Every structure is written in C-alpha cells, then in structure tokens.
Amino acid sequence: MISLFDMQRVDRLLCLGAHPDDIELGAGGTLMRLIGQNPGLQIRWIVFCGADPVRAEEARSAAAIFTAGAGGVDIELHGFRDAFLPWQGDQVKQLFEAAKKSFTPDLILTHQADDRHQDHRLISQLTWNTWRDQPILEYEILKW
C-alpha cells in the first residue's frame, strides 16, 4: 500500500473539535494509534463549545484518557455557545490565528468539511483556511 502521509513521523499533533466528545468519537482510534507509533508526541487539543461546566469536565477527563502515553498534552476549552459557532465566526477565527502562531503541527485532525452540523463545518473551513502547509485529516461524526 502506498501511504500519502507517514503516520510514524508525527511529533506535533493538533486536534480540533467543535464540541466535547467530537474528537474522541471522530478520531479516537487514529489518535491512539498515533500516540502508540510516535513516542513523545506533543498534542494540542482544542474544543470550542465547552461552556457547560459538566461537559467541560467530561471533555478534560476524556482527553486525558485518549491522550495517555503522549509526550505532552495541552487541552484548551473555549466557552462558545453550542450550535451558534457560525454566528461567532470572527471570534473563533481569532483563536485559530492565535493557535497557528503558538503551535506548528505536523498533522491536524479536524471535522469533515461537509458535515451536517454547522459548528462542525465552520471548524473544518477555518482549519483549511488557517493551516495551508500542514497535512489535515478530517474525521466524521456519525449521525443517527
């Protein structure tokens, strides 16, 4: 099999999710594989709609479990209103620009571009707009 990207050469990983549990549900297996293949992996984990204190604590706990074994983890939760991200896009874009200046990832995990949830679509659009020189893998959040 020909690989377009060498998953064993990732030192810095950026994980982006609109809501608590998005990264875990959409990219949890990939994330755990990357940690297993890349000792010392540095992870920046950003969730944008983490205002609810209960969900925020759940997000921190889940991130700790999914990133066990990583070389270092920076978890960042923001308090945007769930389902309203597109109408707060300028503030979200500012956070993307700040993240770009402070962290240069080897790989980015983000939402699927054509996801049915408007918050997910915005995160994907801003990911592709902000990081043009890094490999980006999209993950799907299954709908029922």
C-alpha atoms as a PDB file:
ATOM      1  CA  MET A   1       0.000   0.000   0.000  1.00  0.00           C
ATOM      2  CA  ILE A   2       1.252   3.494  -0.836  1.00  0.00           C
ATOM      3  CA  SER A   3       0.969   5.963   2.019  1.00  0.00           C
ATOM      4  CA  LEU A   4       0.398   9.636   1.293  1.00  0.00           C
ATOM      5  CA  PHE A   5       1.468  10.561   4.789  1.00  0.00           C
ATOM      6  CA  ASP A   6       3.891   8.853   7.149  1.00  0.00           C
ATOM      7  CA  MET A   7       1.958   8.419  10.399  1.00  0.00           C
ATOM      8  CA  GLN A   8       5.175   7.377  12.158  1.00  0.00           C
ATOM      9  CA  ARG A   9       6.797  10.780  11.731  1.00  0.00           C
ATOM     10  CA  VAL A  10       4.369  12.920  13.673  1.00  0.00           C
ATOM     11  CA  ASP A  11       5.896  14.852  16.569  1.00  0.00           C
ATOM     12  CA  ARG A  12       3.229  17.541  16.999  1.00  0.00           C
ATOM     13  CA  LEU A  13      -0.489  16.886  16.594  1.00  0.00           C
ATOM     14  CA  LEU A  14      -3.337  19.398  16.610  1.00  0.00           C
ATOM     15  CA  CYS A  15      -6.815  18.052  17.406  1.00  0.00           C
ATOM     16  CA  LEU A  16      -9.763  20.362  16.739  1.00  0.00           C
ATOM     17  CA  GLY A  17     -13.353  19.731  17.807  1.00  0.00           C
ATOM     18  CA  ALA A  18     -16.425  21.905  17.956  1.00  0.00           C
ATOM     19  CA  HIS A  19     -17.889  20.118  20.991  1.00  0.00           C
ATOM     20  CA  PRO A  20     -16.780  17.956  23.899  1.00  0.00           C
ATOM     21  CA  ASP A  21     -16.589  14.332  22.656  1.00  0.00           C
ATOM     22  CA  ASP A  22     -16.228  15.196  18.937  1.00  0.00           C
ATOM     23  CA  ILE A  23     -12.510  14.440  18.786  1.00  0.00           C
ATOM     24  CA  GLU A  24     -12.915  11.263  20.812  1.00  0.00           C
ATOM     25  CA  LEU A  25     -15.811   9.967  18.685  1.00  0.00           C
ATOM     26  CA  GLY A  26     -14.418  11.022  15.328  1.00  0.00           C
ATOM     27  CA  ALA A  27     -10.689  10.455  15.707  1.00  0.00           C
ATOM     28  CA  GLY A  28     -10.146   8.461  18.906  1.00  0.00           C
ATOM     29  CA  GLY A  29      -8.735   5.372  17.208  1.00  0.00           C
ATOM     30  CA  THR A  30      -6.433   7.388  14.956  1.00  0.00           C
ATOM     31  CA  LEU A  31      -5.286   9.424  17.925  1.00  0.00           C
ATOM     32  CA  MET A  32      -4.428   6.348  19.995  1.00  0.00           C
ATOM     33  CA  ARG A  33      -2.588   4.810  17.023  1.00  0.00           C
ATOM     34  CA  LEU A  34      -0.538   7.983  16.552  1.00  0.00           C
ATOM     35  CA  ILE A  35       0.426   8.011  20.231  1.00  0.00           C
ATOM     36  CA  GLY A  36       1.462   4.356  20.019  1.00  0.00           C
ATOM     37  CA  GLN A  37       3.601   4.928  16.922  1.00  0.00           C
ATOM     38  CA  ASN A  38       5.170   8.218  17.976  1.00  0.00           C
ATOM     39  CA  PRO A  39       6.731   8.206  21.452  1.00  0.00           C
ATOM     40  CA  GLY A  40       6.959  11.739  22.782  1.00  0.00           C
ATOM     41  CA  LEU A  41       4.063  13.009  20.643  1.00  0.00           C
ATOM     42  CA  GLN A  42       3.056  16.552  21.641  1.00  0.00           C
ATOM     43  CA  ILE A  43      -0.694  17.154  21.377  1.00  0.00           C
ATOM     44  CA  ARG A  44      -2.680  20.365  21.347  1.00  0.00           C
ATOM     45  CA  TRP A  45      -6.376  19.595  21.913  1.00  0.00           C
ATOM     46  CA  ILE A  46      -8.849  22.435  21.271  1.00  0.00           C
ATOM     47  CA  VAL A  47     -12.616  22.276  21.862  1.00  0.00           C
ATOM     48  CA  PHE A  48     -14.663  25.370  21.078  1.00  0.00           C
ATOM     49  CA  CYS A  49     -18.110  24.819  22.676  1.00  0.00           C
ATOM     50  CA  GLY A  50     -17.104  23.893  26.216  1.00  0.00           C
ATOM     51  CA  ALA A  51     -19.124  26.402  28.261  1.00  0.00           C
ATOM     52  CA  ASP A  52     -21.160  23.888  30.250  1.00  0.00           C
ATOM     53  CA  PRO A  53     -19.078  23.012  33.348  1.00  0.00           C
ATOM     54  CA  VAL A  54     -20.212  19.368  33.419  1.00  0.00           C
ATOM     55  CA  ARG A  55     -19.426  18.827  29.738  1.00  0.00           C
ATOM     56  CA  ALA A  56     -16.136  20.697  30.123  1.00  0.00           C
ATOM     57  CA  GLU A  57     -15.036  18.365  32.925  1.00  0.00           C
ATOM     58  CA  GLU A  58     -16.119  15.345  30.872  1.00  0.00           C
ATOM     59  CA  ALA A  59     -14.080  16.710  27.952  1.00  0.00           C
ATOM     60  CA  ARG A  60     -10.969  17.115  30.102  1.00  0.00           C
ATOM     61  CA  SER A  61     -11.349  13.608  31.538  1.00  0.00           C
ATOM     62  CA  ALA A  62     -11.901  12.031  28.124  1.00  0.00           C
ATOM     63  CA  ALA A  63      -8.968  13.921  26.620  1.00  0.00           C
ATOM     64  CA  ALA A  64      -6.733  12.673  29.435  1.00  0.00           C
ATOM     65  CA  ILE A  65      -7.785   9.081  28.752  1.00  0.00           C
ATOM     66  CA  PHE A  66      -7.386   9.308  24.965  1.00  0.00           C
ATOM     67  CA  THR A  67      -4.002  11.042  25.201  1.00  0.00           C
ATOM     68  CA  ALA A  68      -2.486   8.730  27.814  1.00  0.00           C
ATOM     69  CA  GLY A  69       1.050   7.907  26.741  1.00  0.00           C
ATOM     70  CA  ALA A  70       1.621  11.122  24.800  1.00  0.00           C
ATOM     71  CA  GLY A  71       4.762  13.118  25.482  1.00  0.00           C
ATOM     72  CA  GLY A  72       2.762  16.212  26.370  1.00  0.00           C
ATOM     73  CA  VAL A  73      -0.798  17.458  26.117  1.00  0.00           C
ATOM     74  CA  ASP A  74      -2.236  20.965  26.098  1.00  0.00           C
ATOM     75  CA  ILE A  75      -6.033  20.921  26.479  1.00  0.00           C
ATOM     76  CA  GLU A  76      -7.845  24.127  25.578  1.00  0.00           C
ATOM     77  CA  LEU A  77     -11.610  24.515  26.093  1.00  0.00           C
ATOM     78  CA  HIS A  78     -13.479  27.603  24.944  1.00  0.00           C
ATOM     79  CA  GLY A  79     -16.932  28.741  26.016  1.00  0.00           C
ATOM     80  CA  PHE A  80     -18.746  29.327  22.751  1.00  0.00           C
ATOM     81  CA  ARG A  81     -22.459  28.603  22.580  1.00  0.00           C
ATOM     82  CA  ASP A  82     -23.288  25.195  21.132  1.00  0.00           C
ATOM     83  CA  ALA A  83     -24.895  25.331  17.653  1.00  0.00           C
ATOM     84  CA  PHE A  84     -24.080  29.044  17.195  1.00  0.00           C
ATOM     85  CA  LEU A  85     -20.416  28.951  16.105  1.00  0.00           C
ATOM     86  CA  PRO A  86     -21.019  30.337  12.593  1.00  0.00           C
ATOM     87  CA  TRP A  87     -22.500  33.478  14.127  1.00  0.00           C
ATOM     88  CA  GLN A  88     -19.420  33.897  16.318  1.00  0.00           C
ATOM     89  CA  GLY A  89     -17.036  33.169  13.478  1.00  0.00           C
ATOM     90  CA  ASP A  90     -14.827  36.228  13.889  1.00  0.00           C
ATOM     91  CA  GLN A  91     -14.008  35.289  17.485  1.00  0.00           C
ATOM     92  CA  VAL A  92     -13.408  31.663  16.513  1.00  0.00           C
ATOM     93  CA  LYS A  93     -11.140  32.766  13.639  1.00  0.00           C
ATOM     94  CA  GLN A  94      -9.067  34.841  16.082  1.00  0.00           C
ATOM     95  CA  LEU A  95      -8.477  31.716  18.185  1.00  0.00           C
ATOM     96  CA  PHE A  96      -7.379  29.817  15.081  1.00  0.00           C
ATOM     97  CA  GLU A  97      -4.888  32.545  14.229  1.00  0.00           C
ATOM     98  CA  ALA A  98      -3.539  32.561  17.797  1.00  0.00           C
ATOM     99  CA  ALA A  99      -3.176  28.763  17.711  1.00  0.00           C
ATOM    100  CA  LYS A 100      -1.306  28.981  14.402  1.00  0.00           C
ATOM    101  CA  LYS A 101       1.209  31.407  15.904  1.00  0.00           C
ATOM    102  CA  SER A 102       1.811  29.336  19.028  1.00  0.00           C
ATOM    103  CA  PHE A 103       1.849  25.752  17.676  1.00  0.00           C
ATOM    104  CA  THR A 104       3.146  24.308  14.398  1.00  0.00           C
ATOM    105  CA  PRO A 105       1.644  20.838  13.951  1.00  0.00           C
ATOM    106  CA  ASP A 106       2.935  18.020  11.783  1.00  0.00           C
ATOM    107  CA  LEU A 107      -0.654  16.800  11.424  1.00  0.00           C
ATOM    108  CA  ILE A 108      -4.115  18.214  12.122  1.00  0.00           C
ATOM    109  CA  LEU A 109      -7.289  16.258  12.896  1.00  0.00           C
ATOM    110  CA  THR A 110     -10.491  18.214  12.240  1.00  0.00           C
ATOM    111  CA  HIS A 111     -14.152  17.834  11.310  1.00  0.00           C
ATOM    112  CA  GLN A 112     -15.319  16.601   7.926  1.00  0.00           C
ATOM    113  CA  ALA A 113     -15.965  19.564   5.606  1.00  0.00           C
ATOM    114  CA  ASP A 114     -19.459  18.512   4.527  1.00  0.00           C
ATOM    115  CA  ASP A 115     -20.733  17.564   7.987  1.00  0.00           C
ATOM    116  CA  ARG A 116     -24.413  18.337   8.542  1.00  0.00           C
ATOM    117  CA  HIS A 117     -23.761  20.271  11.789  1.00  0.00           C
ATOM    118  CA  GLN A 118     -22.992  23.950  11.211  1.00  0.00           C
ATOM    119  CA  ASP A 119     -20.442  24.105  14.071  1.00  0.00           C
ATOM    120  CA  HIS A 120     -18.517  21.175  12.592  1.00  0.00           C
ATOM    121  CA  ARG A 121     -18.482  22.749   9.125  1.00  0.00           C
ATOM    122  CA  LEU A 122     -17.113  26.039  10.462  1.00  0.00           C
ATOM    123  CA  ILE A 123     -14.271  24.318  12.331  1.00  0.00           C
ATOM    124  CA  SER A 124     -13.355  22.403   9.173  1.00  0.00           C
ATOM    125  CA  GLN A 125     -13.493  25.511   6.968  1.00  0.00           C
ATOM    126  CA  LEU A 126     -11.327  27.514   9.350  1.00  0.00           C
ATOM    127  CA  THR A 127      -8.860  24.635   9.641  1.00  0.00           C
ATOM    128  CA  TRP A 128      -8.298  24.528   5.882  1.00  0.00           C
ATOM    129  CA  ASN A 129      -8.197  28.327   5.710  1.00  0.00           C
ATOM    130  CA  THR A 130      -5.690  28.723   8.548  1.00  0.00           C
ATOM    131  CA  TRP A 131      -3.272  25.824   8.001  1.00  0.00           C
ATOM    132  CA  ARG A 132      -2.416  25.571   4.326  1.00  0.00           C
ATOM    133  CA  ASP A 133       1.018  23.992   4.735  1.00  0.00           C
ATOM    134  CA  GLN A 134       0.263  21.133   7.133  1.00  0.00           C
ATOM    135  CA  PRO A 135      -1.376  17.781   6.437  1.00  0.00           C
ATOM    136  CA  ILE A 136      -5.014  17.737   7.535  1.00  0.00           C
ATOM    137  CA  LEU A 137      -7.122  14.644   8.124  1.00  0.00           C
ATOM    138  CA  GLU A 138     -10.872  15.026   8.517  1.00  0.00           C
ATOM    139  CA  TYR A 139     -12.967  12.849  10.790  1.00  0.00           C
ATOM    140  CA  GLU A 140     -16.659  12.059  10.590  1.00  0.00           C
ATOM    141  CA  ILE A 141     -19.159  12.278  13.425  1.00  0.00           C
ATOM    142  CA  LEU A 142     -21.786   9.651  12.686  1.00  0.00           C
ATOM    143  CA  LYS A 143     -25.403  10.810  12.701  1.00  0.00           C
ATOM    144  CA  TRP A 144     -28.316   8.691  13.758  1.00  0.00           C
END
